[in-house]
Amino acid sequence: MPNTSSTNHTQLPARADLIRLGVGVLGIGTSGSLIATSIMPVPTLIFWRNLGGALVTAPFALRQSQWRNRHGLLWSSLAGVLLALHFMGFFLAMRMTSVASGTALAALQPIFAALFLKISGSHIPSKVWLGMVVSFSGVLLISGIDLHLSVRSFLGDLSGLGSAAFAALYLMAGAKAQVNFETTTYTTVCYFICSLTVLPIALFSSLPVMHFPAREWWIVAGLILGAQILGHTLFNSTLRRVSPAVISLIVFFEVPVSALIAFLWLDQKPAFGVLPGIVLVLVGCVLVVTRTRPNDVEVVL
């Protein structure tokens, strides 16, 4: 994911990119409910989703002939491992807590990116720290509600937080990879390494990998087409022209989209305290991305 050349991180994208981003929001917004309704083990579901994504983008990547670039391969492979860890946390959150809560907590990844960049010596404006406090307040509200409901839901919240942290690291590695790789080459390597990372977990845990009802394979196809291709890939395709900060703001719409789909499809009615918590998380994240330079903080896709 290369750094955008845009210097105005509040400028709206052109119409064509707005359409891509809008479709991307809908694409990634479907993932939470699909994951929650699937009975396929988490490592197996991650394996097939990412292997399918790699196979879809591979024909386009083969045209680039960039496979001998060691720098790109190294960072793409590292990004794939980090993506696997992100997906493990996110998928577990979808299974252990509500789609609304898990998605809201995973949306905290720009906050973690700012923290990691601060540790590495980057300057973070004071308003960003205010945004972190606001978001963390929302996290406490969401987590407090789930802890009251069940320990399982609280552990799901922790998984969502972990997925946000790994998402930030994944994006940092991906940004370095795409200095030398085109997006299709990067996504092919990244998705493939992600699938290989989780496969041993499924095999050593004696989890089923192949034999599932047809319904499960339709869910996998939906994840590949929706979240992986129409979501991740479309967002990646706009980053050469659109500021990462603007992308961050638009990606946050995944939270209400996911919550609405879960309500309509799975009848997951959010608890009273979850909705205010989601609002606080989103407000805090907006404060972060609107006060952070485009080259400092990027968003996971």
Protein backbone atom coordinates (compact mmCIF):
# COMPACT_ATOMS: atom_id res chain seq x y z
CA MET A 1 0.00 0.00 0.00
CA PRO A 2 2.07 2.94 -1.18
CA ASN A 3 1.94 6.33 0.41
CA THR A 4 -0.37 8.66 -1.37
CA SER A 5 1.07 11.64 -3.14
CA SER A 6 -1.77 13.81 -1.91
CA THR A 7 -0.78 16.52 0.56
CA ASN A 8 -4.35 17.51 1.47
CA HIS A 9 -5.68 14.74 3.66
CA THR A 10 -9.14 16.34 3.96
CA GLN A 11 -9.81 16.59 0.22
CA LEU A 12 -12.66 14.39 -0.98
CA PRO A 13 -11.86 11.76 -3.62
CA ALA A 14 -13.03 12.09 -7.20
CA ARG A 15 -16.35 10.53 -8.14
CA ALA A 16 -14.81 7.34 -9.54
CA ASP A 17 -12.84 6.73 -6.35
CA LEU A 18 -15.86 7.56 -4.18
CA ILE A 19 -17.78 4.85 -6.01
CA ARG A 20 -14.93 2.37 -5.45
CA LEU A 21 -14.74 3.28 -1.76
CA GLY A 22 -18.50 3.04 -1.35
CA VAL A 23 -18.54 -0.43 -2.87
CA GLY A 24 -15.54 -1.30 -0.70
CA VAL A 25 -17.39 -0.32 2.48
CA LEU A 26 -20.29 -2.56 1.51
CA GLY A 27 -17.86 -5.35 0.67
CA ILE A 28 -16.03 -5.37 3.99
CA GLY A 29 -19.28 -4.68 5.84
CA THR A 30 -20.61 -8.12 4.86
CA SER A 31 -17.68 -10.02 6.37
CA GLY A 32 -18.71 -9.90 10.04
CA SER A 33 -22.09 -11.57 9.54
CA LEU A 34 -20.68 -14.16 7.13
CA ILE A 35 -17.98 -15.12 9.63
CA ALA A 36 -20.46 -15.21 12.51
CA THR A 37 -22.90 -17.46 10.68
CA SER A 38 -20.29 -19.91 9.35
CA ILE A 39 -19.57 -23.18 11.18
CA MET A 40 -16.21 -23.64 9.47
CA PRO A 41 -13.32 -23.50 12.00
CA VAL A 42 -11.64 -20.09 12.12
CA PRO A 43 -8.20 -21.17 10.79
CA THR A 44 -9.84 -23.12 7.97
CA LEU A 45 -12.09 -20.22 7.00
CA ILE A 46 -9.12 -17.83 6.97
CA PHE A 47 -7.13 -20.31 4.86
CA TRP A 48 -9.74 -20.68 2.13
CA ARG A 49 -10.65 -16.98 2.09
CA ASN A 50 -7.05 -15.86 1.54
CA LEU A 51 -6.08 -18.69 -0.79
CA GLY A 52 -9.09 -17.78 -2.92
CA GLY A 53 -8.12 -14.11 -2.84
CA ALA A 54 -4.56 -14.94 -3.92
CA LEU A 55 -5.80 -17.08 -6.81
CA VAL A 56 -8.06 -14.28 -8.02
CA THR A 57 -5.30 -11.64 -8.06
CA ALA A 58 -2.49 -13.97 -9.21
CA PRO A 59 -3.20 -13.72 -12.99
CA PHE A 60 -2.88 -9.93 -12.80
CA ALA A 61 0.27 -10.18 -10.67
CA LEU A 62 1.94 -12.55 -13.12
CA ARG A 63 1.84 -9.81 -15.76
CA GLN A 64 3.98 -7.56 -13.54
CA SER A 65 6.99 -9.94 -13.38
CA GLN A 66 8.22 -8.51 -10.07
CA TRP A 67 8.92 -11.79 -8.28
CA ARG A 68 12.70 -11.35 -8.11
CA ASN A 69 12.49 -8.26 -5.93
CA ARG A 70 13.62 -9.53 -2.52
CA HIS A 71 12.62 -6.38 -0.68
CA GLY A 72 9.05 -6.63 -1.93
CA LEU A 73 8.86 -10.36 -1.24
CA LEU A 74 10.18 -9.98 2.30
CA TRP A 75 7.80 -7.22 3.33
CA SER A 76 4.84 -8.83 1.54
CA SER A 77 5.52 -12.10 3.35
CA LEU A 78 5.77 -10.35 6.72
CA ALA A 79 2.52 -8.54 5.95
CA GLY A 80 0.92 -11.92 5.21
CA VAL A 81 1.89 -13.28 8.62
CA LEU A 82 0.59 -10.15 10.35
CA LEU A 83 -2.61 -10.33 8.31
CA ALA A 84 -3.11 -13.91 9.52
CA LEU A 85 -2.78 -12.77 13.13
CA HIS A 86 -5.20 -9.91 12.46
CA PHE A 87 -7.73 -12.28 10.91
CA MET A 88 -7.40 -14.75 13.79
CA GLY A 89 -8.35 -12.00 16.23
CA PHE A 90 -11.10 -10.56 14.04
CA PHE A 91 -12.70 -13.90 13.18
CA LEU A 92 -12.67 -14.99 16.83
CA ALA A 93 -14.27 -11.68 17.80
CA MET A 94 -17.07 -12.27 15.29
CA ARG A 95 -17.72 -15.70 16.84
CA MET A 96 -17.39 -14.72 20.53
CA THR A 97 -19.05 -11.32 20.71
CA SER A 98 -21.54 -9.35 18.63
CA VAL A 99 -20.67 -8.22 15.12
CA ALA A 100 -21.22 -4.58 16.16
CA SER A 101 -18.86 -4.75 19.15
CA GLY A 102 -16.15 -6.76 17.39
CA THR A 103 -16.14 -4.52 14.32
CA ALA A 104 -16.03 -1.35 16.43
CA LEU A 105 -13.03 -2.60 18.39
CA ALA A 106 -11.22 -3.72 15.23
CA ALA A 107 -11.77 -0.18 13.89
CA LEU A 108 -9.31 1.07 16.52
CA GLN A 109 -6.36 0.13 14.28
CA PRO A 110 -5.49 3.78 13.37
CA ILE A 111 -5.09 4.41 17.11
CA PHE A 112 -2.60 1.56 17.38
CA ALA A 113 -0.82 2.82 14.26
CA ALA A 114 -0.39 6.23 15.91
CA LEU A 115 0.96 4.59 19.07
CA PHE A 116 3.45 2.48 17.11
CA LEU A 117 4.59 5.52 15.14
CA LYS A 118 4.99 7.54 18.34
CA ILE A 119 7.17 4.77 19.78
CA SER A 120 9.26 4.83 16.60
CA GLY A 121 9.87 8.58 17.03
CA SER A 122 7.16 10.14 14.85
CA HIS A 123 5.41 13.30 16.03
CA ILE A 124 1.77 12.82 17.02
CA PRO A 125 -0.33 16.03 17.46
CA SER A 126 -2.02 16.61 20.82
CA LYS A 127 -5.50 16.31 19.30
CA VAL A 128 -4.63 12.75 18.34
CA TRP A 129 -4.12 11.84 21.98
CA LEU A 130 -7.52 13.37 22.75
CA GLY A 131 -8.99 11.11 20.11
CA MET A 132 -7.32 8.12 21.73
CA VAL A 133 -8.87 8.98 25.11
CA VAL A 134 -12.32 9.34 23.52
CA SER A 135 -11.95 6.04 21.65
CA PHE A 136 -10.65 4.23 24.72
CA SER A 137 -13.69 5.47 26.65
CA GLY A 138 -15.86 3.89 23.99
CA VAL A 139 -13.87 0.66 24.25
CA LEU A 140 -14.42 0.57 28.01
CA LEU A 141 -18.14 1.10 27.51
CA ILE A 142 -18.38 -1.64 24.89
CA SER A 143 -16.21 -4.05 26.86
CA GLY A 144 -18.05 -3.30 30.10
CA ILE A 145 -21.35 -4.24 28.51
CA ASP A 146 -19.94 -7.47 27.14
CA LEU A 147 -18.24 -8.35 30.43
CA HIS A 148 -21.61 -7.98 32.14
CA LEU A 149 -23.17 -10.30 29.57
CA SER A 150 -20.54 -13.05 29.58
CA VAL A 151 -16.83 -13.75 29.90
CA ARG A 152 -16.92 -15.20 26.38
CA SER A 153 -18.06 -11.86 24.96
CA PHE A 154 -15.36 -10.04 26.90
CA LEU A 155 -12.72 -12.38 25.46
CA GLY A 156 -14.20 -11.63 22.05
CA ASP A 157 -13.64 -7.93 22.75
CA LEU A 158 -9.99 -8.64 23.59
CA SER A 159 -9.67 -10.54 20.31
CA GLY A 160 -11.06 -7.51 18.48
CA LEU A 161 -8.52 -5.24 20.14
CA GLY A 162 -5.70 -7.63 19.25
CA SER A 163 -6.87 -7.71 15.65
CA ALA A 164 -6.71 -3.91 15.52
CA ALA A 165 -3.10 -3.90 16.76
CA PHE A 166 -1.99 -6.53 14.24
CA ALA A 167 -3.88 -4.68 11.50
CA ALA A 168 -1.77 -1.58 12.14
CA LEU A 169 1.45 -3.59 11.95
CA TYR A 170 0.21 -5.34 8.82
CA LEU A 171 -0.38 -1.99 7.11
CA MET A 172 3.09 -0.73 8.01
CA ALA A 173 4.65 -3.81 6.44
CA GLY A 174 2.35 -3.52 3.43
CA ALA A 175 3.35 0.10 2.86
CA LYS A 176 7.00 -0.92 2.69
CA ALA A 177 6.20 -3.83 0.37
CA GLN A 178 4.45 -1.63 -2.16
CA VAL A 179 7.45 0.62 -2.55
CA ASN A 180 8.69 -2.12 -4.90
CA PHE A 181 5.53 -4.09 -5.70
CA GLU A 182 2.38 -3.25 -7.57
CA THR A 183 -0.82 -3.77 -5.59
CA THR A 184 -1.75 -7.01 -7.38
CA THR A 185 1.70 -8.53 -6.77
CA TYR A 186 1.63 -7.48 -3.12
CA THR A 187 -1.87 -8.82 -2.47
CA THR A 188 -1.09 -12.13 -4.19
CA VAL A 189 1.98 -12.76 -2.05
CA CYS A 190 0.39 -11.39 1.11
CA TYR A 191 -2.82 -13.40 0.83
CA PHE A 192 -0.93 -16.58 -0.09
CA ILE A 193 1.46 -16.30 2.87
CA CYS A 194 -1.51 -15.54 5.12
CA SER A 195 -3.20 -18.77 4.02
CA LEU A 196 0.01 -20.78 4.58
CA THR A 197 0.40 -19.26 8.05
CA VAL A 198 -2.96 -20.51 9.32
CA LEU A 199 -2.98 -23.89 7.53
CA PRO A 200 -0.60 -25.60 10.03
CA ILE A 201 -2.84 -24.39 12.89
CA ALA A 202 -5.78 -26.20 11.30
CA LEU A 203 -3.77 -29.34 10.53
CA PHE A 204 -2.02 -29.66 13.92
CA SER A 205 -5.33 -28.99 15.70
CA SER A 206 -6.98 -31.78 13.67
CA LEU A 207 -9.54 -29.32 12.36
CA PRO A 208 -11.44 -30.24 9.19
CA VAL A 209 -10.15 -28.54 6.05
CA MET A 210 -12.08 -30.03 3.14
CA HIS A 211 -15.38 -31.69 3.97
CA PHE A 212 -18.11 -29.11 4.58
CA PRO A 213 -21.69 -28.61 3.41
CA ALA A 214 -22.28 -26.59 0.26
CA ARG A 215 -23.55 -23.71 2.39
CA GLU A 216 -20.08 -23.23 3.91
CA TRP A 217 -18.44 -22.99 0.50
CA TRP A 218 -20.96 -20.34 -0.52
CA ILE A 219 -19.95 -18.38 2.58
CA VAL A 220 -16.28 -18.70 1.59
CA ALA A 221 -17.13 -17.49 -1.91
CA GLY A 222 -19.02 -14.56 -0.41
CA LEU A 223 -16.02 -13.60 1.74
CA ILE A 224 -13.66 -13.80 -1.23
CA LEU A 225 -15.88 -11.76 -3.52
CA GLY A 226 -17.14 -9.27 -0.93
CA ALA A 227 -14.55 -8.55 1.76
CA GLN A 228 -11.42 -9.70 -0.06
CA ILE A 229 -11.91 -8.46 -3.63
CA LEU A 230 -14.62 -5.78 -3.52
CA GLY A 231 -13.39 -4.62 -0.10
CA HIS A 232 -9.64 -4.93 0.36
CA THR A 233 -8.66 -4.75 -3.29
CA LEU A 234 -10.84 -1.76 -4.17
CA PHE A 235 -9.53 0.21 -1.19
CA ASN A 236 -5.97 -0.63 -2.19
CA SER A 237 -6.66 0.52 -5.74
CA THR A 238 -7.54 4.07 -4.60
CA LEU A 239 -4.54 4.70 -2.36
CA ARG A 240 -2.36 6.06 -5.14
CA ARG A 241 -4.78 9.00 -5.51
CA VAL A 242 -6.59 9.33 -2.17
CA SER A 243 -5.08 10.29 1.18
CA PRO A 244 -4.89 7.44 3.73
CA ALA A 245 -6.57 9.76 6.25
CA VAL A 246 -9.61 10.10 3.99
CA ILE A 247 -9.63 6.34 3.44
CA SER A 248 -9.60 5.93 7.23
CA LEU A 249 -12.67 8.09 7.63
CA ILE A 250 -14.56 6.18 4.95
CA VAL A 251 -13.56 2.75 6.26
CA PHE A 252 -15.11 3.62 9.63
CA PHE A 253 -18.51 3.36 7.93
CA GLU A 254 -17.92 -0.39 8.04
CA VAL A 255 -19.01 -0.32 11.69
CA PRO A 256 -22.63 0.83 11.16
CA VAL A 257 -22.89 -1.18 7.93
CA SER A 258 -21.79 -4.36 9.71
CA ALA A 259 -24.08 -3.65 12.66
CA LEU A 260 -27.06 -3.07 10.34
CA ILE A 261 -26.42 -6.26 8.35
CA ALA A 262 -26.05 -8.25 11.57
CA PHE A 263 -29.33 -6.81 12.87
CA LEU A 264 -31.25 -7.58 9.67
CA TRP A 265 -29.67 -10.96 8.95
CA LEU A 266 -28.71 -12.41 12.34
CA ASP A 267 -31.18 -10.48 14.52
CA GLN A 268 -28.30 -9.23 16.68
CA LYS A 269 -29.92 -6.36 18.53
CA PRO A 270 -27.18 -4.20 20.10
CA ALA A 271 -27.33 -3.75 23.88
CA PHE A 272 -28.12 -0.23 25.11
CA GLY A 273 -24.54 0.67 26.03
CA VAL A 274 -22.92 -0.71 22.87
CA LEU A 275 -24.23 1.95 20.47
CA PRO A 276 -22.91 4.93 22.51
CA GLY A 277 -19.60 3.09 22.78
CA ILE A 278 -19.42 2.66 19.02
CA VAL A 279 -20.12 6.37 18.57
CA LEU A 280 -17.28 7.28 20.96
CA VAL A 281 -14.88 4.92 19.15
CA LEU A 282 -15.72 6.48 15.78
CA VAL A 283 -15.50 10.07 17.08
CA GLY A 284 -12.11 9.36 18.62
CA CYS A 285 -10.83 7.76 15.44
CA VAL A 286 -12.02 10.74 13.39
CA LEU A 287 -10.07 13.06 15.70
CA VAL A 288 -6.99 10.93 15.09
CA VAL A 289 -7.08 10.70 11.32
CA THR A 290 -8.03 14.34 10.77
CA ARG A 291 -5.08 15.56 12.82
CA THR A 292 -2.43 13.12 11.58
CA ARG A 293 -0.30 13.63 8.50
CA PRO A 294 -1.10 11.25 5.63
CA ASN A 295 2.40 9.76 5.73
CA ASP A 296 2.13 9.03 9.45
CA VAL A 297 -0.96 6.92 9.88
CA GLU A 298 -2.63 4.63 7.37
CA VAL A 299 -5.64 2.38 7.60
CA VAL A 300 -5.90 -1.36 7.27
CA LEU A 301 -7.98 -2.63 4.46
